[in-house]
Amino acid sequence: MTFVVGLTGGIGSGKSAAAERFARLGARVIDTDAIAHALTAAGGAAIAPLVAGFGEAILTPEGALDRAAMRRRVFGDPAERRRLEAILHPLIRAEVERELSRAASADFPYVILVVPLLVETGFMRERLDRLLVIDCPEALQIARVMARSHLSRAEAEAILAAQATRQARLACADDVIVNENDLATLYAEVERLHARYLALAAQTRD
């Protein structure tokens, strides 16, 4: 079986930078957000069931999912969010399983499975050998989100409030990288864990 490390963290924590570094070191990175984007692009496999569930008002003129409109619709509405997840999660899961099979046949040493809302949804938790949380202080998350996405402080704080708390993520973690310094520091931490994951993956194959 392929050794799988789940990678998660709150918005603005640095998940993408960490995942890119793991990929450069030779891990196979599977990003569930990228899969979701492909599924909800024009002609994607999720479009027909989404329209059946939510109506055509959720589409852009090009026929893709209007992600901003959908976010507004499900934000703060647990029932609508569950309805969306019931459509998307089985499709994402099926694609992840295909990617895991490809990774095994390509002989990658291990897989990093990036799931932004892993703690909130429990998505594919049973497939993970380790759970890595990219962590940073909430004030830094807010500053990064405001700078990156040009959001107001109130908007950034609302996004954080809708996600799992920092404490909840840390309570689930097997491994933690605190990303509150520069990229060089983050990369050094990734390299440290890469060596550990290589060793753990080798043990599972023995």
Protein backbone atom coordinates (compact mmCIF):
# COMPACT_ATOMS: atom_id res chain seq x y z
CA MET A 1 0.00 0.00 0.00
CA THR A 2 1.12 3.55 -0.73
CA PHE A 3 2.14 5.55 2.35
CA VAL A 4 -0.20 8.57 2.50
CA VAL A 5 0.32 11.77 4.46
CA GLY A 6 -2.64 14.12 4.73
CA LEU A 7 -1.66 17.79 4.61
CA THR A 8 -4.03 20.42 5.95
CA GLY A 9 -4.12 23.82 7.61
CA GLY A 10 -6.22 26.93 7.83
CA ILE A 11 -6.43 29.51 5.07
CA GLY A 12 -3.20 31.48 4.77
CA SER A 13 -1.17 28.90 6.70
CA GLY A 14 1.14 28.00 3.81
CA LYS A 15 -0.25 24.63 2.66
CA SER A 16 0.53 25.27 -1.00
CA ALA A 17 4.13 26.30 -0.39
CA ALA A 18 4.71 23.22 1.76
CA ALA A 19 3.08 20.91 -0.80
CA GLU A 20 5.18 22.36 -3.63
CA ARG A 21 8.34 21.69 -1.63
CA PHE A 22 7.32 18.09 -0.92
CA ALA A 23 6.73 17.64 -4.66
CA ARG A 24 10.20 19.01 -5.46
CA LEU A 25 11.68 16.50 -3.03
CA GLY A 26 10.04 13.63 -4.90
CA ALA A 27 6.72 13.01 -3.18
CA ARG A 28 3.57 12.62 -5.24
CA VAL A 29 1.23 15.48 -4.33
CA ILE A 30 -2.51 15.02 -4.85
CA ASP A 31 -4.44 18.24 -4.27
CA THR A 32 -8.16 17.80 -3.64
CA ASP A 33 -8.80 21.47 -4.37
CA ALA A 34 -7.24 21.10 -7.83
CA ILE A 35 -9.39 18.02 -8.41
CA ALA A 36 -12.49 19.96 -7.34
CA HIS A 37 -11.59 22.76 -9.77
CA ALA A 38 -11.34 20.26 -12.63
CA LEU A 39 -14.64 18.60 -11.71
CA THR A 40 -16.43 21.97 -11.60
CA ALA A 41 -14.91 23.44 -14.76
CA ALA A 42 -17.14 23.75 -17.83
CA GLY A 43 -17.94 20.21 -18.93
CA GLY A 44 -16.61 18.76 -15.67
CA ALA A 45 -18.16 15.63 -14.18
CA ALA A 46 -19.71 17.57 -11.28
CA ILE A 47 -21.58 20.15 -13.36
CA ALA A 48 -24.67 18.10 -14.20
CA PRO A 49 -25.33 16.90 -10.63
CA LEU A 50 -24.65 20.39 -9.26
CA VAL A 51 -27.18 21.93 -11.64
CA ALA A 52 -29.68 19.21 -10.70
CA GLY A 53 -29.13 20.00 -7.03
CA PHE A 54 -28.84 23.78 -7.06
CA GLY A 55 -30.14 25.06 -10.40
CA GLU A 56 -28.42 26.81 -13.30
CA ALA A 57 -27.95 30.05 -11.35
CA ILE A 58 -24.77 28.53 -9.88
CA LEU A 59 -23.04 28.51 -13.29
CA THR A 60 -20.91 31.12 -14.98
CA PRO A 61 -21.83 32.15 -18.55
CA GLU A 62 -19.15 29.67 -19.73
CA GLY A 63 -20.84 26.78 -17.93
CA ALA A 64 -18.40 26.36 -15.06
CA LEU A 65 -19.35 26.48 -11.39
CA ASP A 66 -19.47 30.06 -10.13
CA ARG A 67 -17.37 29.34 -7.06
CA ALA A 68 -17.93 32.76 -5.50
CA ALA A 69 -21.71 32.43 -5.86
CA MET A 70 -21.62 28.92 -4.41
CA ARG A 71 -19.46 30.06 -1.50
CA ARG A 72 -22.00 32.77 -0.70
CA ARG A 73 -24.81 30.24 -0.88
CA VAL A 74 -23.29 27.66 1.47
CA PHE A 75 -21.39 30.04 3.76
CA GLY A 76 -23.02 29.86 7.16
CA ASP A 77 -25.68 27.38 5.96
CA PRO A 78 -24.73 23.88 7.17
CA ALA A 79 -27.56 22.17 5.28
CA GLU A 80 -26.53 23.70 1.95
CA ARG A 81 -22.88 22.89 2.65
CA ARG A 82 -23.75 19.25 3.36
CA ARG A 83 -25.75 19.09 0.12
CA LEU A 84 -22.76 20.42 -1.82
CA GLU A 85 -20.39 17.98 -0.12
CA ALA A 86 -22.74 15.06 -0.84
CA ILE A 87 -22.35 15.82 -4.55
CA LEU A 88 -18.67 16.71 -4.68
CA HIS A 89 -17.02 14.43 -2.14
CA PRO A 90 -17.80 11.08 -3.83
CA LEU A 91 -16.48 12.43 -7.14
CA ILE A 92 -13.33 13.83 -5.52
CA ARG A 93 -12.80 10.60 -3.58
CA ALA A 94 -13.04 8.51 -6.76
CA GLU A 95 -10.43 10.68 -8.48
CA VAL A 96 -8.13 10.56 -5.43
CA GLU A 97 -8.34 6.76 -5.45
CA ARG A 98 -7.38 6.73 -9.13
CA GLU A 99 -4.45 9.06 -8.41
CA LEU A 100 -3.32 6.87 -5.51
CA SER A 101 -3.32 3.83 -7.80
CA ARG A 102 -1.26 5.71 -10.36
CA ALA A 103 1.19 6.83 -7.66
CA ALA A 104 1.62 3.24 -6.48
CA SER A 105 2.30 1.96 -9.99
CA ALA A 106 4.73 4.83 -10.63
CA ASP A 107 6.62 3.91 -7.45
CA PHE A 108 6.56 7.28 -5.71
CA PRO A 109 8.06 6.93 -2.21
CA TYR A 110 4.93 8.35 -0.58
CA VAL A 111 1.93 10.59 -1.29
CA ILE A 112 1.02 13.98 0.13
CA LEU A 113 -2.78 14.34 0.00
CA VAL A 114 -3.71 18.01 0.37
CA VAL A 115 -7.17 18.44 1.93
CA PRO A 116 -7.81 22.04 3.05
CA LEU A 117 -10.88 21.16 5.17
CA LEU A 118 -9.74 17.73 6.32
CA VAL A 119 -10.42 18.35 10.02
CA GLU A 120 -13.81 19.93 9.30
CA THR A 121 -15.04 17.17 6.98
CA GLY A 122 -12.96 14.11 7.91
CA PHE A 123 -12.50 13.62 4.16
CA MET A 124 -10.52 10.39 3.50
CA ARG A 125 -9.15 10.37 7.04
CA GLU A 126 -9.24 6.57 7.00
CA ARG A 127 -6.75 6.47 4.09
CA LEU A 128 -4.06 8.44 5.90
CA ASP A 129 -1.00 7.05 7.61
CA ARG A 130 -0.04 10.48 9.03
CA LEU A 131 -1.72 13.85 9.31
CA LEU A 132 0.47 16.92 8.89
CA VAL A 133 -0.89 20.31 9.95
CA ILE A 134 0.66 23.53 8.65
CA ASP A 135 0.10 25.94 11.50
CA CYS A 136 0.59 29.64 12.14
CA PRO A 137 -0.86 32.29 14.45
CA GLU A 138 -4.32 33.49 13.43
CA ALA A 139 -3.16 37.12 13.19
CA LEU A 140 -0.64 36.04 10.56
CA GLN A 141 -3.27 34.04 8.67
CA ILE A 142 -5.49 37.13 8.53
CA ALA A 143 -2.63 39.35 7.32
CA ARG A 144 -1.68 36.86 4.60
CA VAL A 145 -5.26 36.41 3.39
CA MET A 146 -5.84 40.17 3.27
CA ALA A 147 -2.63 40.69 1.28
CA ARG A 148 -3.15 37.75 -1.08
CA SER A 149 -6.86 37.98 -1.77
CA HIS A 150 -7.39 41.72 -1.23
CA LEU A 151 -10.08 41.03 1.37
CA SER A 152 -11.06 43.25 4.26
CA ARG A 153 -10.13 42.23 7.79
CA ALA A 154 -13.79 41.40 8.49
CA GLU A 155 -13.97 39.14 5.43
CA ALA A 156 -10.75 37.35 6.36
CA GLU A 157 -11.91 36.90 9.95
CA ALA A 158 -15.25 35.49 8.74
CA ILE A 159 -13.45 32.84 6.66
CA LEU A 160 -11.33 31.84 9.65
CA ALA A 161 -14.39 31.68 11.88
CA ALA A 162 -16.04 29.21 9.48
CA GLN A 163 -13.03 26.86 9.58
CA ALA A 164 -11.88 24.54 12.35
CA THR A 165 -10.04 26.28 15.15
CA ARG A 166 -6.28 26.17 15.36
CA GLN A 167 -6.62 24.05 18.50
CA ALA A 168 -8.91 21.52 16.78
CA ARG A 169 -6.44 21.02 13.92
CA LEU A 170 -3.47 20.64 16.26
CA ALA A 171 -5.38 18.08 18.34
CA CYS A 172 -5.70 15.86 15.23
CA ALA A 173 -2.12 16.25 14.03
CA ASP A 174 0.59 13.61 13.95
CA ASP A 175 3.07 16.19 12.69
CA VAL A 176 3.09 20.00 12.79
CA ILE A 177 5.02 22.67 10.89
CA VAL A 178 4.70 26.13 12.41
CA ASN A 179 4.99 28.44 9.41
CA GLU A 180 5.51 31.88 10.92
CA ASN A 181 8.92 32.76 9.48
CA ASP A 182 10.39 32.84 5.97
CA LEU A 183 10.24 30.27 3.18
CA ALA A 184 13.71 28.96 3.97
CA THR A 185 12.53 28.00 7.45
CA LEU A 186 9.41 26.33 6.03
CA TYR A 187 11.51 24.40 3.49
CA ALA A 188 13.88 23.19 6.19
CA GLU A 189 10.94 21.82 8.16
CA VAL A 190 9.53 20.13 5.04
CA GLU A 191 12.91 18.53 4.36
CA ARG A 192 13.07 17.24 7.94
CA LEU A 193 9.68 15.60 7.59
CA HIS A 194 10.48 14.32 4.10
CA ALA A 195 13.33 12.29 5.58
CA ARG A 196 10.99 10.96 8.27
CA TYR A 197 8.28 10.02 5.78
CA LEU A 198 10.80 8.23 3.55
CA ALA A 199 11.83 6.14 6.54
CA LEU A 200 8.25 5.41 7.60
CA ALA A 201 7.22 4.54 4.05
CA ALA A 202 10.16 2.16 3.76
CA GLN A 203 9.08 0.42 6.97
CA THR A 204 5.59 -0.17 5.59
CA ARG A 205 7.09 -1.83 2.51
CA ASP A 206 9.40 -4.14 4.48
